[in-house]
Amino acid sequence: MSANLILIGMPGAGKSTVGVILAKLLSMDFIDTDILIQRKCICELQTIVNTQGYLTLRAIEEEVITALSANSTVIATGGSAVYSATAMSHLRKNGTVVYLKLAMRELVSRLHNFATRGIASPPAQTFRSLFTERSRLYREYADVTIDCSGKSQDAVAEEIAESVTTL
């Protein structure tokens, strides 16, 4: 497989963890775009949000993603990557976009650091509102949707591997 696998979904859906497992399973490289942003800015995502605002974080995310050149790589994106049509177009040119879908209640039970996680959203926006807004975008960009509810991260990675080998 020479194309990339791009993981999208809400914070807490398991993109980074599932991405590492999936990369090992398929003998692919792995990139986490949130880590690329942190390395570029030499600070945590939340620091960018606190000092420069969530729109700056989204702009940096778009810049990092559009500069990305990868092949045969699992790419875990930040939850807000779908706000940039430019970034998503760049990723889709050489890859399959996989939406890790998780129910709102399961996301809330996983996320204990919403206020400090570096989520690119307006300060007053609730997690429920963010979930509703982003879910539409995830569905729009997804080539494959994997329902992760009640599944282990290993099981999700195996399901992705099976679904993409049949594409």
Protein backbone atom coordinates (compact mmCIF):
# COMPACT_ATOMS: atom_id res chain seq x y z
CA MET A 1 0.00 0.00 0.00
CA SER A 2 1.61 3.26 -1.07
CA ALA A 3 -1.26 5.64 -0.32
CA ASN A 4 -1.68 7.29 3.06
CA LEU A 5 -4.40 6.63 5.60
CA ILE A 6 -5.67 9.85 7.15
CA LEU A 7 -7.49 9.60 10.48
CA ILE A 8 -10.04 12.29 11.33
CA GLY A 9 -12.43 12.60 14.25
CA MET A 10 -13.15 14.35 17.50
CA PRO A 11 -10.59 14.86 20.25
CA GLY A 12 -10.69 11.67 22.30
CA ALA A 13 -11.74 9.43 19.40
CA GLY A 14 -8.35 7.70 19.49
CA LYS A 15 -6.72 8.96 16.29
CA SER A 16 -3.19 9.02 17.69
CA THR A 17 -3.32 5.72 19.54
CA VAL A 18 -5.19 3.86 16.80
CA GLY A 19 -2.84 5.44 14.26
CA VAL A 20 0.25 3.97 15.90
CA ILE A 21 -1.38 0.53 16.14
CA LEU A 22 -2.58 0.72 12.54
CA ALA A 23 0.84 1.80 11.26
CA LYS A 24 2.45 -1.20 12.96
CA LEU A 25 -0.26 -3.52 11.68
CA LEU A 26 0.19 -2.38 8.06
CA SER A 27 3.96 -1.72 8.22
CA MET A 28 3.45 1.97 7.48
CA ASP A 29 5.00 5.14 8.87
CA PHE A 30 3.07 7.27 11.36
CA ILE A 31 2.70 11.05 11.67
CA ASP A 32 0.64 12.98 14.21
CA THR A 33 -0.02 16.49 12.89
CA ASP A 34 -0.59 17.84 16.43
CA ILE A 35 2.98 16.84 17.29
CA LEU A 36 4.25 18.52 14.10
CA ILE A 37 2.48 21.72 15.16
CA GLN A 38 3.96 21.55 18.66
CA ARG A 39 7.46 20.99 17.26
CA LYS A 40 7.08 23.88 14.81
CA CYS A 41 5.82 26.28 17.49
CA ILE A 42 7.92 24.85 20.34
CA CYS A 43 4.91 24.86 22.65
CA GLU A 44 1.75 22.95 23.47
CA LEU A 45 -1.42 23.45 21.43
CA GLN A 46 -3.21 24.96 24.43
CA THR A 47 -0.49 27.60 24.71
CA ILE A 48 -1.17 28.64 21.11
CA VAL A 49 -4.91 28.85 21.83
CA ASN A 50 -4.32 30.83 25.04
CA THR A 51 -1.81 33.31 23.61
CA GLN A 52 -2.79 33.65 19.95
CA GLY A 53 -6.33 32.28 19.72
CA TYR A 54 -7.99 29.23 18.21
CA LEU A 55 -8.03 30.70 14.68
CA THR A 56 -4.24 31.00 14.77
CA LEU A 57 -4.00 27.34 15.76
CA ARG A 58 -6.23 26.42 12.82
CA ALA A 59 -4.07 28.50 10.45
CA ILE A 60 -0.89 26.85 11.72
CA GLU A 61 -2.55 23.45 11.36
CA GLU A 62 -3.44 24.19 7.73
CA GLU A 63 0.12 25.35 7.05
CA VAL A 64 1.65 22.22 8.62
CA ILE A 65 -0.73 19.85 6.78
CA THR A 66 -0.32 21.47 3.38
CA ALA A 67 3.47 21.29 3.75
CA LEU A 68 3.25 17.58 4.56
CA SER A 69 4.70 15.18 2.02
CA ALA A 70 4.16 11.56 2.97
CA ASN A 71 3.73 8.19 1.34
CA SER A 72 2.59 4.91 2.87
CA THR A 73 1.91 6.75 6.13
CA VAL A 74 -0.86 6.74 8.69
CA ILE A 75 -1.58 10.40 9.48
CA ALA A 76 -3.47 11.31 12.65
CA THR A 77 -4.86 14.80 12.21
CA GLY A 78 -5.97 17.27 14.81
CA GLY A 79 -9.72 17.35 15.32
CA SER A 80 -9.99 20.73 13.60
CA ALA A 81 -8.20 19.77 10.35
CA VAL A 82 -11.60 19.44 8.65
CA TYR A 83 -12.18 23.18 8.93
CA SER A 84 -9.61 23.67 6.17
CA ALA A 85 -10.77 22.59 2.71
CA THR A 86 -7.21 23.30 1.52
CA ALA A 87 -5.65 20.95 4.09
CA MET A 88 -8.21 18.20 3.47
CA SER A 89 -7.77 18.46 -0.29
CA HIS A 90 -4.02 18.12 0.15
CA LEU A 91 -4.43 15.03 2.35
CA ARG A 92 -6.96 13.39 0.03
CA LYS A 93 -4.68 13.67 -3.03
CA ASN A 94 -2.70 10.65 -1.89
CA GLY A 95 -4.80 8.98 0.72
CA THR A 96 -7.95 7.51 2.13
CA VAL A 97 -9.70 9.53 4.83
CA VAL A 98 -10.97 7.42 7.73
CA TYR A 99 -13.42 8.96 10.20
CA LEU A 100 -13.18 7.51 13.70
CA LYS A 101 -16.76 8.02 14.83
CA LEU A 102 -17.55 7.88 18.52
CA ALA A 103 -20.77 8.68 20.37
CA MET A 104 -20.88 11.94 22.31
CA ARG A 105 -21.30 10.17 25.69
CA GLU A 106 -18.23 8.01 25.08
CA LEU A 107 -16.13 11.02 24.05
CA VAL A 108 -17.15 12.90 27.20
CA SER A 109 -16.20 9.91 29.37
CA ARG A 110 -12.75 9.79 27.69
CA LEU A 111 -12.00 13.52 27.78
CA HIS A 112 -11.08 14.84 31.18
CA ASN A 113 -8.97 17.74 29.94
CA PHE A 114 -11.29 19.62 27.55
CA ALA A 115 -10.18 23.01 28.87
CA THR A 116 -6.46 22.28 28.51
CA ARG A 117 -6.32 19.93 25.52
CA GLY A 118 -5.60 22.58 22.89
CA ILE A 119 -8.93 22.27 21.09
CA ALA A 120 -9.29 24.86 18.32
CA SER A 121 -12.72 26.24 19.12
CA PRO A 122 -14.18 29.54 20.30
CA PRO A 123 -13.85 29.97 24.09
CA ALA A 124 -17.61 29.94 24.72
CA GLN A 125 -18.38 26.93 22.51
CA THR A 126 -19.58 23.86 24.36
CA PHE A 127 -18.22 20.41 23.59
CA ARG A 128 -21.71 19.32 22.45
CA SER A 129 -21.92 22.23 20.01
CA LEU A 130 -18.41 21.45 18.74
CA PHE A 131 -19.36 17.78 18.32
CA THR A 132 -22.45 18.68 16.27
CA GLU A 133 -20.55 21.17 14.11
CA ARG A 134 -17.59 18.90 13.39
CA SER A 135 -19.54 15.66 12.91
CA ARG A 136 -21.02 17.03 9.68
CA LEU A 137 -17.54 17.90 8.38
CA TYR A 138 -16.11 14.50 9.33
CA ARG A 139 -18.92 12.75 7.44
CA GLU A 140 -18.39 15.04 4.45
CA TYR A 141 -14.65 14.29 4.12
CA ALA A 142 -14.68 10.60 5.09
CA ASP A 143 -14.01 7.91 2.51
CA VAL A 144 -14.51 5.30 5.25
CA THR A 145 -16.35 5.66 8.57
CA ILE A 146 -15.49 3.36 11.46
CA ASP A 147 -17.88 3.26 14.42
CA CYS A 148 -15.53 3.04 17.40
CA SER A 149 -18.20 2.84 20.10
CA GLY A 150 -17.50 0.10 22.62
CA LYS A 151 -14.44 -1.17 20.73
CA SER A 152 -10.84 -1.42 21.86
CA GLN A 153 -8.25 0.59 19.97
CA ASP A 154 -6.74 -2.65 18.66
CA ALA A 155 -10.14 -3.74 17.32
CA VAL A 156 -10.61 -0.35 15.63
CA ALA A 157 -7.17 -0.58 13.98
CA GLU A 158 -7.93 -4.10 12.74
CA GLU A 159 -11.30 -2.98 11.35
CA ILE A 160 -9.63 -0.09 9.50
CA ALA A 161 -6.98 -2.41 8.10
CA GLU A 162 -9.64 -4.80 6.83
CA SER A 163 -11.79 -2.04 5.32
CA VAL A 164 -8.94 -0.30 3.47
CA THR A 165 -7.50 -3.46 1.97
CA THR A 166 -10.82 -4.01 0.21
CA LEU A 167 -10.86 -0.53 -1.35
